[in-house]
Amino acid sequence: MSEKIAVENVNVPGHVTNVDKAKYDAMKSAMLATLPKSAPGMTAKESKEAAKAHLPEDLFPGGATSGWWQKCVQLDLEAKGVVVRENTKPLRFHQA
C-alpha cells in the first residue's frame, strides 16, 4: 500500500482528500521548479508541459496522468497559499 498525503481544494474549503504521496511530492517539486515567482505566471497548460520534464518516468510513464496530478497539486498549493491564481483569462499561476 502506498503512503498517502491529505490535500485541500481551494474551490471547496474544508474538503480534504488523501492521494498518493510519492506522485504528489514529485508533481509539487516539478511545479515549484518551473512556476515563476511573480506575475504574470503561467497558464495551467504551460505549467503542465513545463513540469513534465521534471517528473520521474517510473511514476509518470510518458507523462501519463500528469494533467490530473498538476491540477490536484495546484489546487492544494493554492489552498495553502503557496501558489497564487491571477484573475486573467486564461487563468495564470505563480508562486506566492
N, C-alpha and C. Protein backbone atom coordinates (compact mmCIF):
# COMPACT_ATOMS: atom_id res chain seq x y z
N MET A 1 0.84 -1.19 0.00
CA MET A 1 0.00 0.00 0.00
C MET A 1 0.88 1.25 0.00
N SER A 2 0.57 2.18 -0.87
CA SER A 2 1.38 3.39 -0.96
C SER A 2 1.00 4.38 0.15
N GLU A 3 1.99 5.18 0.53
CA GLU A 3 1.77 6.19 1.55
C GLU A 3 0.87 7.29 0.96
N LYS A 4 0.00 7.85 1.79
CA LYS A 4 -0.95 8.88 1.35
C LYS A 4 -0.62 10.23 1.98
N ILE A 5 -1.12 11.28 1.36
CA ILE A 5 -1.00 12.64 1.88
C ILE A 5 -2.35 13.31 1.71
N ALA A 6 -2.74 14.12 2.69
CA ALA A 6 -4.01 14.84 2.64
C ALA A 6 -3.83 16.11 1.82
N VAL A 7 -4.74 16.33 0.86
CA VAL A 7 -4.69 17.54 0.04
C VAL A 7 -6.01 18.30 0.18
N GLU A 8 -5.90 19.62 0.05
CA GLU A 8 -7.06 20.50 0.12
C GLU A 8 -7.41 20.96 -1.30
N ASN A 9 -8.57 21.62 -1.40
CA ASN A 9 -9.00 22.18 -2.68
C ASN A 9 -9.47 23.60 -2.40
N VAL A 10 -8.80 24.57 -3.00
CA VAL A 10 -9.13 25.98 -2.78
C VAL A 10 -10.58 26.29 -3.14
N ASN A 11 -11.16 25.51 -4.06
CA ASN A 11 -12.54 25.74 -4.50
C ASN A 11 -13.58 25.12 -3.58
N VAL A 12 -13.15 24.21 -2.69
CA VAL A 12 -14.06 23.52 -1.77
C VAL A 12 -13.44 23.56 -0.38
N PRO A 13 -13.49 24.71 0.30
CA PRO A 13 -12.86 24.84 1.61
C PRO A 13 -13.35 23.77 2.59
N GLY A 14 -12.41 23.22 3.34
CA GLY A 14 -12.74 22.21 4.33
C GLY A 14 -12.75 20.79 3.81
N HIS A 15 -12.73 20.62 2.48
CA HIS A 15 -12.74 19.27 1.90
C HIS A 15 -11.30 18.78 1.75
N VAL A 16 -11.04 17.60 2.30
CA VAL A 16 -9.70 17.02 2.25
C VAL A 16 -9.79 15.65 1.59
N THR A 17 -8.85 15.35 0.72
CA THR A 17 -8.77 14.07 0.03
C THR A 17 -7.38 13.50 0.25
N ASN A 18 -7.28 12.19 0.38
CA ASN A 18 -5.98 11.54 0.52
C ASN A 18 -5.54 10.99 -0.84
N VAL A 19 -4.31 11.33 -1.23
CA VAL A 19 -3.78 10.90 -2.52
C VAL A 19 -2.38 10.31 -2.32
N ASP A 20 -1.87 9.67 -3.36
CA ASP A 20 -0.55 9.05 -3.32
C ASP A 20 0.53 10.10 -3.05
N LYS A 21 1.29 9.91 -1.97
CA LYS A 21 2.29 10.89 -1.54
C LYS A 21 3.45 11.00 -2.53
N ALA A 22 3.92 9.88 -3.07
CA ALA A 22 5.06 9.92 -3.98
C ALA A 22 4.74 10.73 -5.24
N LYS A 23 3.56 10.51 -5.81
CA LYS A 23 3.18 11.27 -7.01
C LYS A 23 2.94 12.74 -6.67
N TYR A 24 2.30 12.98 -5.53
CA TYR A 24 2.06 14.36 -5.10
C TYR A 24 3.40 15.10 -4.95
N ASP A 25 4.33 14.50 -4.21
CA ASP A 25 5.62 15.14 -3.96
C ASP A 25 6.39 15.39 -5.25
N ALA A 26 6.33 14.42 -6.18
CA ALA A 26 7.03 14.58 -7.46
C ALA A 26 6.45 15.75 -8.25
N MET A 27 5.13 15.83 -8.31
CA MET A 27 4.50 16.92 -9.06
C MET A 27 4.73 18.26 -8.36
N LYS A 28 4.65 18.28 -7.05
CA LYS A 28 4.89 19.53 -6.32
C LYS A 28 6.30 20.05 -6.61
N SER A 29 7.29 19.17 -6.54
CA SER A 29 8.67 19.58 -6.83
C SER A 29 8.80 20.10 -8.26
N ALA A 30 8.18 19.40 -9.20
CA ALA A 30 8.24 19.81 -10.60
C ALA A 30 7.58 21.16 -10.81
N MET A 31 6.43 21.36 -10.18
CA MET A 31 5.72 22.64 -10.34
C MET A 31 6.51 23.79 -9.73
N LEU A 32 7.02 23.59 -8.52
CA LEU A 32 7.76 24.67 -7.86
C LEU A 32 9.08 24.97 -8.57
N ALA A 33 9.61 23.98 -9.29
CA ALA A 33 10.83 24.21 -10.06
C ALA A 33 10.57 25.03 -11.32
N THR A 34 9.32 25.03 -11.78
CA THR A 34 9.03 25.67 -13.06
C THR A 34 8.12 26.90 -12.95
N LEU A 35 7.28 26.99 -11.92
CA LEU A 35 6.38 28.14 -11.81
C LEU A 35 7.16 29.40 -11.46
N PRO A 36 6.90 30.49 -12.16
CA PRO A 36 7.57 31.76 -11.84
C PRO A 36 7.20 32.24 -10.43
N LYS A 37 8.06 33.08 -9.88
CA LYS A 37 7.84 33.60 -8.54
C LYS A 37 7.02 34.89 -8.54
N SER A 38 6.61 35.36 -9.72
CA SER A 38 5.81 36.58 -9.79
C SER A 38 4.92 36.56 -11.02
N ALA A 39 3.98 37.51 -11.05
CA ALA A 39 3.08 37.65 -12.19
C ALA A 39 3.89 38.02 -13.42
N PRO A 40 3.49 37.68 -14.62
CA PRO A 40 2.19 37.15 -14.95
C PRO A 40 2.04 35.65 -14.74
N GLY A 41 3.10 34.92 -14.47
CA GLY A 41 2.98 33.50 -14.22
C GLY A 41 2.79 32.68 -15.48
N MET A 42 2.21 31.48 -15.29
CA MET A 42 2.00 30.55 -16.40
C MET A 42 0.55 30.08 -16.40
N THR A 43 0.07 29.71 -17.59
CA THR A 43 -1.25 29.09 -17.66
C THR A 43 -1.12 27.66 -17.13
N ALA A 44 -2.25 27.03 -16.84
CA ALA A 44 -2.24 25.64 -16.38
C ALA A 44 -1.59 24.75 -17.44
N LYS A 45 -1.90 24.99 -18.70
CA LYS A 45 -1.33 24.19 -19.79
C LYS A 45 0.19 24.35 -19.83
N GLU A 46 0.66 25.59 -19.74
CA GLU A 46 2.11 25.84 -19.74
C GLU A 46 2.78 25.18 -18.54
N SER A 47 2.13 25.26 -17.40
CA SER A 47 2.67 24.66 -16.18
C SER A 47 2.77 23.15 -16.31
N LYS A 48 1.73 22.54 -16.85
CA LYS A 48 1.72 21.08 -17.03
C LYS A 48 2.85 20.65 -17.96
N GLU A 49 3.01 21.34 -19.07
CA GLU A 49 4.06 20.98 -20.03
C GLU A 49 5.45 21.20 -19.44
N ALA A 50 5.65 22.29 -18.72
CA ALA A 50 6.95 22.57 -18.12
C ALA A 50 7.28 21.54 -17.04
N ALA A 51 6.29 21.15 -16.26
CA ALA A 51 6.51 20.20 -15.17
C ALA A 51 6.86 18.82 -15.68
N LYS A 52 6.32 18.42 -16.83
CA LYS A 52 6.55 17.07 -17.37
C LYS A 52 8.03 16.72 -17.45
N ALA A 53 8.85 17.67 -17.82
CA ALA A 53 10.28 17.42 -17.97
C ALA A 53 10.96 17.10 -16.65
N HIS A 54 10.31 17.41 -15.54
CA HIS A 54 10.90 17.20 -14.21
C HIS A 54 10.30 16.01 -13.48
N LEU A 55 9.39 15.29 -14.13
CA LEU A 55 8.71 14.17 -13.46
C LEU A 55 9.47 12.86 -13.66
N PRO A 56 9.53 12.05 -12.60
CA PRO A 56 10.20 10.75 -12.74
C PRO A 56 9.40 9.81 -13.64
N GLU A 57 10.09 9.17 -14.55
CA GLU A 57 9.45 8.28 -15.52
C GLU A 57 8.75 7.10 -14.85
N ASP A 58 9.29 6.62 -13.73
CA ASP A 58 8.67 5.46 -13.07
C ASP A 58 7.30 5.79 -12.48
N LEU A 59 7.08 7.04 -12.09
CA LEU A 59 5.78 7.45 -11.54
C LEU A 59 4.83 7.97 -12.61
N PHE A 60 5.39 8.59 -13.64
CA PHE A 60 4.58 9.19 -14.71
C PHE A 60 5.11 8.74 -16.07
N PRO A 61 4.94 7.46 -16.41
CA PRO A 61 5.49 6.98 -17.68
C PRO A 61 4.91 7.73 -18.88
N GLY A 62 5.80 8.37 -19.63
CA GLY A 62 5.36 9.14 -20.79
C GLY A 62 4.48 10.33 -20.42
N GLY A 63 4.56 10.77 -19.17
CA GLY A 63 3.74 11.90 -18.71
C GLY A 63 2.32 11.49 -18.36
N ALA A 64 2.04 10.18 -18.30
CA ALA A 64 0.69 9.69 -18.01
C ALA A 64 0.15 10.27 -16.70
N THR A 65 -1.07 10.69 -16.72
CA THR A 65 -1.84 11.26 -15.59
C THR A 65 -1.25 12.56 -15.05
N SER A 66 -0.27 13.13 -15.72
CA SER A 66 0.34 14.35 -15.20
C SER A 66 -0.64 15.52 -15.15
N GLY A 67 -1.59 15.56 -16.06
CA GLY A 67 -2.58 16.64 -16.04
C GLY A 67 -3.44 16.61 -14.79
N TRP A 68 -3.90 15.42 -14.40
CA TRP A 68 -4.71 15.30 -13.19
C TRP A 68 -3.90 15.69 -11.97
N TRP A 69 -2.67 15.19 -11.89
CA TRP A 69 -1.82 15.49 -10.74
C TRP A 69 -1.44 16.96 -10.69
N GLN A 70 -1.23 17.57 -11.84
CA GLN A 70 -0.90 19.00 -11.86
C GLN A 70 -2.04 19.80 -11.28
N LYS A 71 -3.28 19.47 -11.66
CA LYS A 71 -4.45 20.18 -11.14
C LYS A 71 -4.63 19.92 -9.64
N CYS A 72 -4.46 18.68 -9.22
CA CYS A 72 -4.58 18.32 -7.81
C CYS A 72 -3.60 19.13 -6.96
N VAL A 73 -2.35 19.15 -7.36
CA VAL A 73 -1.32 19.86 -6.60
C VAL A 73 -1.53 21.36 -6.67
N GLN A 74 -1.91 21.87 -7.83
CA GLN A 74 -2.16 23.31 -7.98
C GLN A 74 -3.26 23.77 -7.02
N LEU A 75 -4.38 23.06 -6.97
CA LEU A 75 -5.48 23.43 -6.08
C LEU A 75 -5.08 23.34 -4.62
N ASP A 76 -4.29 22.32 -4.25
CA ASP A 76 -3.82 22.18 -2.88
C ASP A 76 -2.86 23.32 -2.51
N LEU A 77 -1.92 23.62 -3.40
CA LEU A 77 -0.96 24.68 -3.11
C LEU A 77 -1.63 26.06 -3.07
N GLU A 78 -2.68 26.24 -3.86
CA GLU A 78 -3.45 27.48 -3.76
C GLU A 78 -4.12 27.57 -2.39
N ALA A 79 -4.73 26.48 -1.94
CA ALA A 79 -5.40 26.45 -0.64
C ALA A 79 -4.42 26.74 0.49
N LYS A 80 -3.18 26.34 0.32
CA LYS A 80 -2.16 26.53 1.35
C LYS A 80 -1.42 27.86 1.20
N GLY A 81 -1.74 28.64 0.17
CA GLY A 81 -1.12 29.94 -0.03
C GLY A 81 0.27 29.89 -0.65
N VAL A 82 0.64 28.76 -1.25
CA VAL A 82 1.96 28.62 -1.87
C VAL A 82 1.93 29.08 -3.32
N VAL A 83 0.77 28.91 -3.97
CA VAL A 83 0.57 29.31 -5.36
C VAL A 83 -0.56 30.33 -5.41
N VAL A 84 -0.40 31.33 -6.27
CA VAL A 84 -1.39 32.40 -6.44
C VAL A 84 -2.02 32.28 -7.82
N ARG A 85 -3.35 32.44 -7.86
CA ARG A 85 -4.10 32.44 -9.11
C ARG A 85 -4.36 33.89 -9.51
N GLU A 86 -3.92 34.26 -10.71
CA GLU A 86 -4.19 35.60 -11.22
C GLU A 86 -5.59 35.64 -11.84
N ASN A 87 -6.26 36.76 -11.73
CA ASN A 87 -7.60 36.92 -12.28
C ASN A 87 -7.49 37.33 -13.75
N THR A 88 -7.08 36.38 -14.58
CA THR A 88 -6.89 36.61 -16.01
C THR A 88 -7.60 35.51 -16.78
N LYS A 89 -7.76 35.70 -18.07
CA LYS A 89 -8.28 34.67 -18.95
C LYS A 89 -7.27 34.46 -20.06
N PRO A 90 -6.69 33.28 -20.20
CA PRO A 90 -6.88 32.15 -19.31
C PRO A 90 -6.22 32.40 -17.95
N LEU A 91 -6.63 31.61 -16.95
CA LEU A 91 -6.05 31.75 -15.62
C LEU A 91 -4.54 31.54 -15.69
N ARG A 92 -3.82 32.31 -14.88
CA ARG A 92 -2.36 32.19 -14.80
C ARG A 92 -2.00 32.00 -13.33
N PHE A 93 -0.91 31.29 -13.10
CA PHE A 93 -0.49 30.95 -11.74
C PHE A 93 0.98 31.27 -11.55
N HIS A 94 1.34 31.66 -10.32
CA HIS A 94 2.74 31.86 -9.95
C HIS A 94 2.89 31.54 -8.47
N GLN A 95 4.12 31.44 -8.03
CA GLN A 95 4.37 31.17 -6.62
C GLN A 95 4.06 32.42 -5.80
N ALA A 96 3.64 32.19 -4.57
CA ALA A 96 3.31 33.32 -3.66
C ALA A 96 4.57 34.00 -3.18
